[in-house]
Amino acid sequence: MVELVLPDSNFYINCARAGLDPFVTLAARTDEWEFATCGMVVLEVCRGRSNPNLLKRFQERFAIMLYIAAGNSVWERAAQLAWSLDRQGIVLPAPDLLIAACALQAKAAVLTADAHFHSIPGLRVLDQLT
């Protein structure tokens, strides 16, 4: 069975910094996983592309991925996660909470190098594509 995975922004950014095409890296693993994105990931990744041609390429690739929309239920889940974690002394960045809420809503794992995601109850976190 193919599992749904939502790569976090840092996956794309780290690949780009290493001179790798993140979309080629993901495409090589589509026999095991289906990859999705969400608005926050697109926003975080695309804002950092300084080359207009590279920006366009990233936008085109994101446009054909499964898109997890952040409707009211996702925003409410992110707010509840923030409130609950804050009360435990775990204060996470709002973008990470929104990405996690999208993943939880879609029953997807998050592919990330960001340790914040390990603090989110019920979220499956992949540190790498293995």
N, C-alpha and C. Protein backbone atom coordinates (compact mmCIF):
# COMPACT_ATOMS: atom_id res chain seq x y z
N MET A 1 0.83 -1.19 0.00
CA MET A 1 0.00 0.00 0.00
C MET A 1 0.88 1.26 0.00
N VAL A 2 0.56 2.20 -0.83
CA VAL A 2 1.31 3.43 -0.96
C VAL A 2 0.86 4.39 0.14
N GLU A 3 1.82 4.95 0.88
CA GLU A 3 1.53 5.87 1.98
C GLU A 3 1.62 7.30 1.48
N LEU A 4 0.75 8.14 2.01
CA LEU A 4 0.77 9.56 1.67
C LEU A 4 1.78 10.28 2.55
N VAL A 5 2.63 11.08 1.92
CA VAL A 5 3.68 11.82 2.63
C VAL A 5 3.63 13.29 2.20
N LEU A 6 3.70 14.16 3.20
CA LEU A 6 3.75 15.60 2.96
C LEU A 6 5.17 16.08 3.29
N PRO A 7 6.00 16.32 2.27
CA PRO A 7 7.34 16.84 2.55
C PRO A 7 7.25 18.28 3.09
N ASP A 8 7.94 18.52 4.18
CA ASP A 8 8.01 19.84 4.77
C ASP A 8 8.88 20.74 3.89
N SER A 9 8.74 22.02 4.11
CA SER A 9 9.51 23.01 3.34
C SER A 9 11.01 22.73 3.38
N ASN A 10 11.51 22.31 4.54
CA ASN A 10 12.96 22.13 4.64
C ASN A 10 13.47 20.98 3.78
N PHE A 11 12.61 20.05 3.41
CA PHE A 11 13.04 19.00 2.47
C PHE A 11 13.44 19.63 1.14
N TYR A 12 12.59 20.49 0.62
CA TYR A 12 12.86 21.14 -0.68
C TYR A 12 14.07 22.07 -0.57
N ILE A 13 14.13 22.82 0.51
CA ILE A 13 15.22 23.78 0.69
C ILE A 13 16.55 23.05 0.85
N ASN A 14 16.58 21.99 1.65
CA ASN A 14 17.82 21.22 1.84
C ASN A 14 18.27 20.55 0.54
N CYS A 15 17.34 20.03 -0.23
CA CYS A 15 17.70 19.44 -1.54
C CYS A 15 18.32 20.50 -2.44
N ALA A 16 17.68 21.65 -2.52
CA ALA A 16 18.19 22.72 -3.38
C ALA A 16 19.59 23.16 -2.94
N ARG A 17 19.80 23.27 -1.64
CA ARG A 17 21.12 23.66 -1.13
C ARG A 17 22.18 22.62 -1.45
N ALA A 18 21.77 21.36 -1.52
CA ALA A 18 22.71 20.28 -1.84
C ALA A 18 22.88 20.09 -3.34
N GLY A 19 22.23 20.93 -4.14
CA GLY A 19 22.34 20.82 -5.59
C GLY A 19 21.49 19.71 -6.18
N LEU A 20 20.51 19.23 -5.41
CA LEU A 20 19.63 18.16 -5.87
C LEU A 20 18.29 18.73 -6.28
N ASP A 21 17.66 18.09 -7.24
CA ASP A 21 16.30 18.45 -7.62
C ASP A 21 15.35 17.70 -6.70
N PRO A 22 14.63 18.39 -5.83
CA PRO A 22 13.76 17.69 -4.89
C PRO A 22 12.66 16.88 -5.56
N PHE A 23 12.20 17.35 -6.70
CA PHE A 23 11.11 16.66 -7.39
C PHE A 23 11.60 15.37 -8.04
N VAL A 24 12.83 15.35 -8.49
CA VAL A 24 13.42 14.11 -9.02
C VAL A 24 13.62 13.12 -7.87
N THR A 25 14.08 13.62 -6.73
CA THR A 25 14.25 12.78 -5.56
C THR A 25 12.93 12.14 -5.15
N LEU A 26 11.86 12.91 -5.15
CA LEU A 26 10.54 12.37 -4.80
C LEU A 26 10.04 11.40 -5.86
N ALA A 27 10.23 11.74 -7.12
CA ALA A 27 9.73 10.89 -8.20
C ALA A 27 10.35 9.50 -8.17
N ALA A 28 11.58 9.41 -7.67
CA ALA A 28 12.25 8.12 -7.59
C ALA A 28 11.62 7.21 -6.53
N ARG A 29 10.76 7.76 -5.68
CA ARG A 29 10.18 6.99 -4.58
C ARG A 29 8.66 6.81 -4.69
N THR A 30 8.08 7.10 -5.84
CA THR A 30 6.63 7.04 -5.97
C THR A 30 6.08 5.62 -5.96
N ASP A 31 6.95 4.61 -6.01
CA ASP A 31 6.47 3.24 -5.88
C ASP A 31 6.12 2.93 -4.42
N GLU A 32 6.69 3.68 -3.49
CA GLU A 32 6.46 3.46 -2.06
C GLU A 32 5.53 4.49 -1.45
N TRP A 33 5.60 5.73 -1.93
CA TRP A 33 4.85 6.82 -1.34
C TRP A 33 4.19 7.67 -2.41
N GLU A 34 3.10 8.29 -2.01
CA GLU A 34 2.48 9.33 -2.82
C GLU A 34 2.77 10.63 -2.08
N PHE A 35 3.18 11.65 -2.80
CA PHE A 35 3.58 12.89 -2.18
C PHE A 35 2.54 13.98 -2.38
N ALA A 36 2.32 14.74 -1.32
CA ALA A 36 1.34 15.82 -1.33
C ALA A 36 2.03 17.11 -0.90
N THR A 37 1.31 18.21 -1.06
CA THR A 37 1.80 19.50 -0.58
C THR A 37 0.64 20.25 0.02
N CYS A 38 0.94 21.40 0.59
CA CYS A 38 -0.10 22.27 1.13
C CYS A 38 0.34 23.72 0.90
N GLY A 39 -0.56 24.64 1.12
CA GLY A 39 -0.28 26.05 0.84
C GLY A 39 0.91 26.60 1.60
N MET A 40 1.06 26.21 2.86
CA MET A 40 2.17 26.74 3.66
C MET A 40 3.52 26.28 3.12
N VAL A 41 3.60 25.02 2.69
CA VAL A 41 4.85 24.52 2.11
C VAL A 41 5.15 25.28 0.82
N VAL A 42 4.14 25.45 -0.03
CA VAL A 42 4.34 26.16 -1.29
C VAL A 42 4.81 27.59 -1.00
N LEU A 43 4.17 28.25 -0.05
CA LEU A 43 4.54 29.62 0.31
C LEU A 43 5.98 29.70 0.81
N GLU A 44 6.33 28.84 1.75
CA GLU A 44 7.68 28.89 2.32
C GLU A 44 8.76 28.58 1.29
N VAL A 45 8.50 27.60 0.43
CA VAL A 45 9.50 27.20 -0.55
C VAL A 45 9.61 28.22 -1.68
N CYS A 46 8.49 28.65 -2.21
CA CYS A 46 8.52 29.55 -3.37
C CYS A 46 9.05 30.94 -3.02
N ARG A 47 8.81 31.40 -1.81
CA ARG A 47 9.30 32.73 -1.46
C ARG A 47 10.82 32.80 -1.47
N GLY A 48 11.48 31.66 -1.31
CA GLY A 48 12.94 31.64 -1.27
C GLY A 48 13.61 31.43 -2.62
N ARG A 49 12.84 31.24 -3.67
CA ARG A 49 13.43 31.04 -4.99
C ARG A 49 13.72 32.40 -5.60
N SER A 50 14.97 32.76 -5.74
CA SER A 50 15.33 34.07 -6.27
C SER A 50 15.34 34.10 -7.80
N ASN A 51 15.56 32.95 -8.42
CA ASN A 51 15.58 32.86 -9.88
C ASN A 51 14.15 32.66 -10.39
N PRO A 52 13.63 33.58 -11.21
CA PRO A 52 12.25 33.47 -11.69
C PRO A 52 11.98 32.16 -12.46
N ASN A 53 12.96 31.67 -13.18
CA ASN A 53 12.77 30.41 -13.92
C ASN A 53 12.66 29.23 -12.96
N LEU A 54 13.46 29.23 -11.91
CA LEU A 54 13.39 28.18 -10.91
C LEU A 54 12.07 28.28 -10.14
N LEU A 55 11.65 29.48 -9.83
CA LEU A 55 10.36 29.69 -9.16
C LEU A 55 9.24 29.10 -10.01
N LYS A 56 9.25 29.39 -11.29
CA LYS A 56 8.21 28.87 -12.19
C LYS A 56 8.23 27.34 -12.21
N ARG A 57 9.40 26.77 -12.25
CA ARG A 57 9.53 25.30 -12.26
C ARG A 57 8.96 24.70 -10.98
N PHE A 58 9.29 25.30 -9.83
CA PHE A 58 8.75 24.81 -8.57
C PHE A 58 7.23 24.94 -8.56
N GLN A 59 6.71 26.08 -9.00
CA GLN A 59 5.26 26.28 -9.03
C GLN A 59 4.57 25.24 -9.93
N GLU A 60 5.17 24.95 -11.07
CA GLU A 60 4.60 23.94 -11.97
C GLU A 60 4.58 22.56 -11.32
N ARG A 61 5.62 22.21 -10.62
CA ARG A 61 5.69 20.90 -9.95
C ARG A 61 4.69 20.81 -8.81
N PHE A 62 4.61 21.87 -8.02
CA PHE A 62 3.65 21.87 -6.92
C PHE A 62 2.21 21.77 -7.46
N ALA A 63 1.96 22.41 -8.60
CA ALA A 63 0.61 22.43 -9.17
C ALA A 63 0.08 21.05 -9.55
N ILE A 64 0.99 20.11 -9.81
CA ILE A 64 0.52 18.77 -10.20
C ILE A 64 0.53 17.77 -9.04
N MET A 65 0.97 18.23 -7.87
CA MET A 65 0.97 17.36 -6.70
C MET A 65 -0.42 17.34 -6.06
N LEU A 66 -0.70 16.29 -5.32
CA LEU A 66 -1.90 16.25 -4.51
C LEU A 66 -1.82 17.41 -3.54
N TYR A 67 -2.90 18.20 -3.44
CA TYR A 67 -2.89 19.40 -2.63
C TYR A 67 -3.82 19.22 -1.44
N ILE A 68 -3.29 19.39 -0.25
CA ILE A 68 -4.09 19.31 0.97
C ILE A 68 -4.52 20.73 1.33
N ALA A 69 -5.79 21.00 1.16
CA ALA A 69 -6.31 22.34 1.41
C ALA A 69 -6.43 22.61 2.90
N ALA A 70 -6.21 23.85 3.27
CA ALA A 70 -6.32 24.26 4.67
C ALA A 70 -7.64 24.98 4.88
N GLY A 71 -8.70 24.18 4.95
CA GLY A 71 -10.02 24.74 5.24
C GLY A 71 -10.18 25.02 6.73
N ASN A 72 -11.38 25.38 7.13
CA ASN A 72 -11.64 25.72 8.53
C ASN A 72 -11.23 24.62 9.49
N SER A 73 -11.49 23.36 9.15
CA SER A 73 -11.17 22.27 10.08
C SER A 73 -9.66 22.15 10.29
N VAL A 74 -8.88 22.43 9.27
CA VAL A 74 -7.42 22.38 9.41
C VAL A 74 -6.93 23.52 10.29
N TRP A 75 -7.45 24.72 10.06
CA TRP A 75 -7.07 25.87 10.88
C TRP A 75 -7.47 25.64 12.34
N GLU A 76 -8.65 25.09 12.55
CA GLU A 76 -9.09 24.81 13.92
C GLU A 76 -8.20 23.76 14.58
N ARG A 77 -7.80 22.77 13.81
CA ARG A 77 -6.90 21.74 14.36
C ARG A 77 -5.55 22.33 14.71
N ALA A 78 -5.03 23.21 13.84
CA ALA A 78 -3.74 23.86 14.11
C ALA A 78 -3.84 24.72 15.37
N ALA A 79 -4.95 25.44 15.53
CA ALA A 79 -5.15 26.28 16.71
C ALA A 79 -5.23 25.41 17.97
N GLN A 80 -5.92 24.29 17.88
CA GLN A 80 -6.03 23.39 19.03
C GLN A 80 -4.67 22.79 19.38
N LEU A 81 -3.91 22.39 18.36
CA LEU A 81 -2.56 21.89 18.61
C LEU A 81 -1.70 22.94 19.30
N ALA A 82 -1.77 24.17 18.82
CA ALA A 82 -0.98 25.25 19.40
C ALA A 82 -1.37 25.45 20.87
N TRP A 83 -2.66 25.51 21.13
CA TRP A 83 -3.13 25.73 22.50
C TRP A 83 -2.67 24.60 23.41
N SER A 84 -2.88 23.37 22.97
CA SER A 84 -2.54 22.20 23.77
C SER A 84 -1.03 22.10 24.03
N LEU A 85 -0.24 22.28 23.00
CA LEU A 85 1.22 22.19 23.15
C LEU A 85 1.77 23.34 23.98
N ASP A 86 1.23 24.54 23.77
CA ASP A 86 1.67 25.69 24.56
C ASP A 86 1.48 25.42 26.05
N ARG A 87 0.37 24.79 26.43
CA ARG A 87 0.09 24.49 27.84
C ARG A 87 1.07 23.49 28.42
N GLN A 88 1.76 22.76 27.54
CA GLN A 88 2.78 21.81 27.97
C GLN A 88 4.18 22.42 27.92
N GLY A 89 4.25 23.70 27.57
CA GLY A 89 5.54 24.37 27.47
C GLY A 89 6.24 24.11 26.14
N ILE A 90 5.52 23.59 25.17
CA ILE A 90 6.08 23.30 23.84
C ILE A 90 5.51 24.32 22.87
N VAL A 91 6.29 25.32 22.55
CA VAL A 91 5.82 26.39 21.68
C VAL A 91 6.45 26.19 20.29
N LEU A 92 5.61 25.87 19.33
CA LEU A 92 6.09 25.60 17.97
C LEU A 92 5.71 26.74 17.03
N PRO A 93 6.48 26.94 15.97
CA PRO A 93 6.13 27.97 14.99
C PRO A 93 4.78 27.66 14.33
N ALA A 94 3.99 28.70 14.13
CA ALA A 94 2.67 28.54 13.52
C ALA A 94 2.71 27.83 12.16
N PRO A 95 3.68 28.14 11.28
CA PRO A 95 3.72 27.40 10.01
C PRO A 95 3.87 25.89 10.19
N ASP A 96 4.67 25.48 11.17
CA ASP A 96 4.84 24.04 11.42
C ASP A 96 3.53 23.42 11.91
N LEU A 97 2.82 24.14 12.75
CA LEU A 97 1.53 23.65 13.25
C LEU A 97 0.52 23.51 12.12
N LEU A 98 0.53 24.45 11.20
CA LEU A 98 -0.40 24.38 10.07
C LEU A 98 -0.05 23.21 9.15
N ILE A 99 1.23 23.02 8.87
CA ILE A 99 1.66 21.89 8.04
C ILE A 99 1.29 20.57 8.72
N ALA A 100 1.51 20.49 10.01
CA ALA A 100 1.15 19.27 10.75
C ALA A 100 -0.36 19.03 10.71
N ALA A 101 -1.15 20.08 10.87
CA ALA A 101 -2.61 19.94 10.83
C ALA A 101 -3.07 19.45 9.46
N CYS A 102 -2.43 19.95 8.41
CA CYS A 102 -2.75 19.46 7.05
C CYS A 102 -2.44 17.98 6.93
N ALA A 103 -1.28 17.59 7.41
CA ALA A 103 -0.88 16.18 7.34
C ALA A 103 -1.83 15.30 8.15
N LEU A 104 -2.17 15.72 9.36
CA LEU A 104 -3.09 14.95 10.19
C LEU A 104 -4.45 14.82 9.52
N GLN A 105 -4.92 15.90 8.93
CA GLN A 105 -6.23 15.89 8.25
C GLN A 105 -6.25 14.87 7.12
N ALA A 106 -5.14 14.77 6.39
CA ALA A 106 -5.05 13.86 5.23
C ALA A 106 -4.52 12.48 5.61
N LYS A 107 -4.22 12.29 6.89
CA LYS A 107 -3.62 11.03 7.36
C LYS A 107 -2.29 10.76 6.65
N ALA A 108 -1.52 11.82 6.51
CA ALA A 108 -0.22 11.74 5.84
C ALA A 108 0.91 11.84 6.86
N ALA A 109 2.03 11.25 6.53
CA ALA A 109 3.26 11.44 7.31
C ALA A 109 3.91 12.74 6.83
N VAL A 110 4.75 13.33 7.67
CA VAL A 110 5.51 14.52 7.28
C VAL A 110 6.96 14.11 7.14
N LEU A 111 7.54 14.46 5.99
CA LEU A 111 8.97 14.23 5.73
C LEU A 111 9.68 15.53 6.08
N THR A 112 10.53 15.49 7.11
CA THR A 112 11.14 16.73 7.59
C THR A 112 12.43 16.46 8.35
N ALA A 113 13.28 17.46 8.35
CA ALA A 113 14.49 17.44 9.19
C ALA A 113 14.27 18.29 10.43
N ASP A 114 13.07 18.80 10.60
CA ASP A 114 12.73 19.70 11.70
C ASP A 114 12.21 18.91 12.89
N ALA A 115 12.93 18.98 14.00
CA ALA A 115 12.58 18.22 15.20
C ALA A 115 11.25 18.66 15.82
N HIS A 116 10.77 19.87 15.50
CA HIS A 116 9.50 20.34 16.05
C HIS A 116 8.37 19.34 15.82
N PHE A 117 8.36 18.72 14.67
CA PHE A 117 7.25 17.86 14.30
C PHE A 117 7.13 16.62 15.18
N HIS A 118 8.22 16.22 15.80
CA HIS A 118 8.17 15.05 16.69
C HIS A 118 7.36 15.32 17.96
N SER A 119 7.10 16.58 18.25
CA SER A 119 6.33 16.95 19.44
C SER A 119 4.81 16.89 19.21
N ILE A 120 4.39 16.66 17.99
CA ILE A 120 2.97 16.73 17.68
C ILE A 120 2.32 15.36 17.81
N PRO A 121 1.39 15.24 18.75
CA PRO A 121 0.75 13.93 19.01
C PRO A 121 0.03 13.39 17.78
N GLY A 122 0.24 12.11 17.53
CA GLY A 122 -0.47 11.43 16.44
C GLY A 122 0.13 11.64 15.06
N LEU A 123 1.16 12.45 14.95
CA LEU A 123 1.76 12.74 13.64
C LEU A 123 2.90 11.76 13.37
N ARG A 124 2.85 11.12 12.22
CA ARG A 124 3.96 10.25 11.81
C ARG A 124 4.99 11.12 11.11
N VAL A 125 6.23 11.02 11.57
CA VAL A 125 7.31 11.86 11.04
C VAL A 125 8.36 10.98 10.42
N LEU A 126 8.75 11.30 9.19
CA LEU A 126 9.85 10.63 8.50
C LEU A 126 11.02 11.61 8.46
N ASP A 127 12.17 11.16 8.96
CA ASP A 127 13.35 12.01 8.94
C ASP A 127 14.07 12.00 7.60
N GLN A 128 13.82 10.95 6.83
CA GLN A 128 14.45 10.83 5.51
C GLN A 128 13.69 9.82 4.67
N LEU A 129 13.97 9.81 3.40
CA LEU A 129 13.38 8.82 2.49
C LEU A 129 14.26 7.58 2.52
N THR A 130 13.87 6.59 3.28
CA THR A 130 14.66 5.35 3.35
C THR A 130 13.81 4.17 2.96
